[in-house]
Protein backbone atom coordinates (compact mmCIF):
# COMPACT_ATOMS: atom_id res chain seq x y z
CA MET A 1 -1.07 -10.97 82.65
CA LYS A 2 -0.52 -7.40 81.50
CA GLN A 3 -0.58 -8.54 77.87
CA LEU A 4 -3.83 -10.43 78.42
CA ILE A 5 -5.52 -7.36 79.87
CA THR A 6 -4.21 -5.20 77.03
CA LEU A 7 -5.40 -7.70 74.43
CA THR A 8 -8.83 -7.94 76.08
CA PHE A 9 -9.14 -4.14 76.17
CA PHE A 10 -8.10 -3.91 72.50
CA LEU A 11 -10.65 -6.53 71.40
CA LEU A 12 -13.47 -4.91 73.37
CA THR A 13 -12.63 -1.49 71.91
CA PHE A 14 -12.42 -2.91 68.37
CA THR A 15 -15.79 -4.67 68.79
CA ALA A 16 -17.44 -1.51 70.11
CA PHE A 17 -16.24 0.51 67.12
CA ALA A 18 -17.14 -2.20 64.61
CA GLN A 19 -20.74 -2.40 65.84
CA LYS A 20 -21.27 1.36 66.03
CA GLN A 21 -23.57 2.47 63.24
CA LYS A 22 -24.00 5.98 62.02
CA PRO A 23 -27.17 7.63 63.29
CA CYS A 24 -30.23 7.77 61.06
CA GLU A 25 -30.72 11.08 59.26
CA TYR A 26 -34.23 12.13 58.31
CA SER A 27 -35.48 14.79 55.92
CA VAL A 28 -38.91 14.54 57.61
CA ASN A 29 -39.67 13.31 61.13
CA VAL A 30 -43.17 14.17 62.38
CA ASN A 31 -45.08 12.77 65.37
CA ASP A 32 -48.45 14.32 66.15
CA SER A 33 -52.00 13.41 67.13
CA ILE A 34 -52.74 12.10 63.62
CA GLY A 35 -49.78 9.69 63.52
CA SER A 36 -46.11 9.48 62.73
CA TYR A 37 -44.21 9.95 59.49
CA LYS A 38 -40.49 9.92 58.85
CA VAL A 39 -38.38 9.82 55.69
CA THR A 40 -34.64 9.27 55.39
CA ASN A 41 -32.50 11.56 53.25
CA GLU A 42 -32.38 10.78 49.52
CA TYR A 43 -29.57 8.46 48.46
CA LEU A 44 -28.13 8.16 44.96
CA MET A 45 -28.53 4.57 43.74
CA SER A 46 -27.83 4.91 40.02
CA GLU A 47 -26.47 7.54 37.67
CA LYS A 48 -26.25 7.12 33.90
CA TYR A 49 -24.90 9.55 31.35
CA PHE A 50 -25.05 8.54 27.71
CA GLY A 51 -25.19 10.68 24.59
CA GLY A 52 -26.35 13.84 26.33
CA ASN A 53 -29.03 12.01 28.34
CA PHE A 54 -28.85 11.85 32.13
CA ASP A 55 -30.74 9.38 34.36
CA TYR A 56 -30.61 9.47 38.16
CA ILE A 57 -32.33 7.15 40.63
CA PHE A 58 -32.62 8.15 44.27
CA PHE A 59 -33.97 6.05 47.16
CA SER A 60 -35.34 7.14 50.49
CA LEU A 61 -37.01 5.03 53.13
CA ALA A 62 -40.23 6.14 54.78
CA GLN A 63 -42.29 4.96 57.72
CA THR A 64 -45.92 5.93 58.04
CA ASP A 65 -47.51 4.86 61.34
CA GLY A 66 -45.17 1.87 61.54
CA LEU A 67 -45.46 0.82 57.85
CA PRO A 68 -42.08 0.98 56.04
CA THR A 69 -42.00 1.90 52.34
CA LEU A 70 -39.39 2.76 49.73
CA ASN A 71 -39.62 6.04 47.85
CA LEU A 72 -37.98 5.94 44.43
CA GLN A 73 -37.31 9.16 42.55
CA LEU A 74 -36.35 8.93 38.87
CA ILE A 75 -34.90 12.05 37.25
CA GLN A 76 -34.33 12.09 33.50
CA LYS A 77 -32.64 14.98 31.70
CA SER A 78 -32.20 15.41 27.95
CA LYS A 79 -32.37 17.91 25.09
CA ASP A 80 -34.19 15.22 23.09
CA PHE A 81 -37.64 13.74 23.66
CA ILE A 82 -37.89 11.93 27.02
CA LYS A 83 -40.02 8.81 27.04
CA ALA A 84 -42.19 8.66 30.15
CA ASN A 85 -41.50 5.75 32.50
CA CYS A 86 -44.81 5.54 34.34
CA PHE A 87 -45.63 3.68 37.54
CA ASP A 88 -48.94 1.92 38.02
CA LYS A 89 -50.45 -0.75 40.29
CA ASN A 90 -48.49 -3.48 38.46
CA SER A 91 -45.09 -1.78 38.76
CA LYS A 92 -42.46 -3.55 40.81
CA ILE A 93 -38.85 -3.34 41.87
CA PHE A 94 -36.89 -6.59 41.83
CA LEU A 95 -33.63 -6.60 43.79
CA GLN A 96 -31.25 -9.48 43.18
CA LEU A 97 -29.04 -9.89 46.22
CA GLU A 98 -25.46 -11.13 46.17
CA ASN A 99 -26.60 -14.24 48.08
CA GLY A 100 -28.75 -15.18 45.05
CA LYS A 101 -32.15 -14.30 46.54
CA ILE A 102 -34.57 -11.94 44.81
CA VAL A 103 -36.58 -9.39 46.79
CA THR A 104 -39.74 -7.90 45.26
CA LEU A 105 -41.26 -4.55 46.20
CA MET A 106 -44.80 -3.73 45.04
CA HIS A 107 -45.92 -0.28 43.90
CA ILE A 108 -48.88 1.30 45.64
CA ASN A 109 -52.07 1.57 43.61
CA GLN A 110 -51.39 5.05 42.24
CA GLU A 111 -50.50 5.84 38.62
CA SER A 112 -47.72 8.36 38.10
CA CYS A 113 -45.86 9.47 34.97
CA GLY A 114 -44.05 12.36 36.58
CA THR A 115 -43.71 16.00 35.66
CA LEU A 116 -41.86 17.45 32.69
CA VAL A 117 -40.03 20.75 33.23
CA ARG A 118 -37.80 22.67 30.79
CA ASP A 119 -34.79 24.39 32.36
CA ASP A 120 -33.00 27.57 31.27
CA LYS A 121 -30.28 25.56 29.45
CA GLY A 122 -32.75 23.95 27.05
CA TYR A 123 -32.95 20.57 28.80
CA ASP A 124 -36.21 18.76 29.43
CA ASN A 125 -36.31 17.27 32.92
CA ARG A 126 -38.78 14.54 33.87
CA VAL A 127 -39.17 13.84 37.59
CA ASN A 128 -41.18 10.80 38.64
CA THR A 129 -41.68 9.40 42.11
CA GLY A 130 -42.97 5.97 43.07
CA ILE A 131 -43.79 4.49 46.47
CA PHE A 132 -43.10 0.79 46.92
CA MET A 133 -44.12 -1.56 49.72
CA PHE A 134 -41.95 -4.28 51.19
CA MET A 135 -43.20 -7.84 51.31
CA LYS A 136 -43.07 -9.15 54.88
CA ASP A 137 -40.92 -12.20 54.09
CA ASN A 138 -38.42 -10.16 52.01
CA PHE A 139 -37.78 -7.38 54.51
CA GLU A 140 -35.28 -9.40 56.57
CA GLU A 141 -33.32 -10.52 53.49
CA LEU A 142 -32.40 -6.91 52.69
CA LYS A 143 -30.53 -6.64 56.02
CA LYS A 144 -28.34 -9.66 55.26
CA SER A 145 -26.92 -9.25 51.77
CA PRO A 146 -25.82 -6.47 49.39
CA ILE A 147 -27.74 -5.81 46.16
CA SER A 148 -26.18 -6.75 42.82
CA ILE A 149 -28.91 -5.97 40.25
CA MET A 150 -32.05 -3.83 40.34
CA ARG A 151 -34.89 -4.32 37.84
CA ILE A 152 -37.69 -1.79 37.66
CA LYS A 153 -40.94 -2.78 35.94
CA TYR A 154 -42.69 0.32 34.66
CA LEU A 155 -46.11 0.50 33.03
CA THR A 156 -44.77 -0.14 29.51
CA ASN A 157 -41.19 -1.39 29.87
CA VAL A 158 -38.58 -2.98 32.14
CA GLU A 159 -35.14 -1.51 32.94
CA ASP A 160 -32.18 -3.26 34.57
CA TYR A 161 -29.50 -1.49 36.58
CA ILE A 162 -26.21 -2.86 37.89
CA VAL A 163 -25.93 -1.73 41.52
CA LYS A 164 -22.37 -0.59 42.20
CA ARG A 165 -20.31 -1.13 45.33
CA GLU A 166 -19.09 2.44 45.07
CA LEU A 167 -20.55 5.24 42.98
CA THR A 168 -18.89 8.63 42.56
CA SER A 169 -21.55 11.02 41.34
CA GLU A 170 -20.74 13.23 38.36
CA LEU A 171 -23.59 15.47 39.53
CA THR A 172 -22.49 16.12 43.12
CA GLY A 173 -19.04 14.54 43.46
CA LYS A 174 -20.26 12.55 46.47
CA VAL A 175 -19.35 8.90 46.91
CA THR A 176 -22.12 6.44 47.81
CA ASN A 177 -22.27 2.68 48.34
CA PRO A 178 -25.58 1.71 46.68
CA ASN A 179 -25.19 -2.08 47.05
CA THR A 180 -25.31 -1.86 50.87
CA TYR A 181 -28.04 0.81 51.05
CA PHE A 182 -30.61 -1.42 52.75
CA MET A 183 -28.10 -3.11 55.05
CA GLU A 184 -27.10 0.32 56.39
CA ASN A 185 -30.44 2.15 56.37
CA ILE A 186 -33.40 -0.20 56.72
CA ARG A 187 -33.07 -0.08 60.52
CA CYS A 188 -34.09 3.60 60.30
CA VAL A 189 -37.70 2.68 59.43
CA GLU A 190 -38.24 -0.47 61.51
């Protein structure tokens, strides 16, 4: 009987720890008479370094008066000419999930080509931000399966990114798990 009680206690404790999720962290969390707005911290989804060119993609989730959106920030850094990857009303993000389903996010109707800034080391830096809306039927799929491939349709071209299980950033040294980003964070904007 003692072993049964111990086993039951162990299983209940294990289940409680397994279901415990880390709390949501927000960079902005405002509730006032106009409405509510909250944004999760930025999360590194992709980092590419090739031939002196750097590309970083960061995600953050936002909720504006109950409407969840995805903020994508693209940072490009190079000493050479940087081609602008612009967002427009036809831009989309396609996420292929490991379960084979494809989730599409639609860009809001706002054209953006970003801002070009030269730093003190001679690098040109282009920063571009896009806001994407979830489709109602796709929202639930993101909670169920990790991402394997991300395709971003810009105004003039399409880029594919392999979404890694674990990414150690050369920029910050931090380790992220991009493929489970939505599974872990989408609850923060529901």
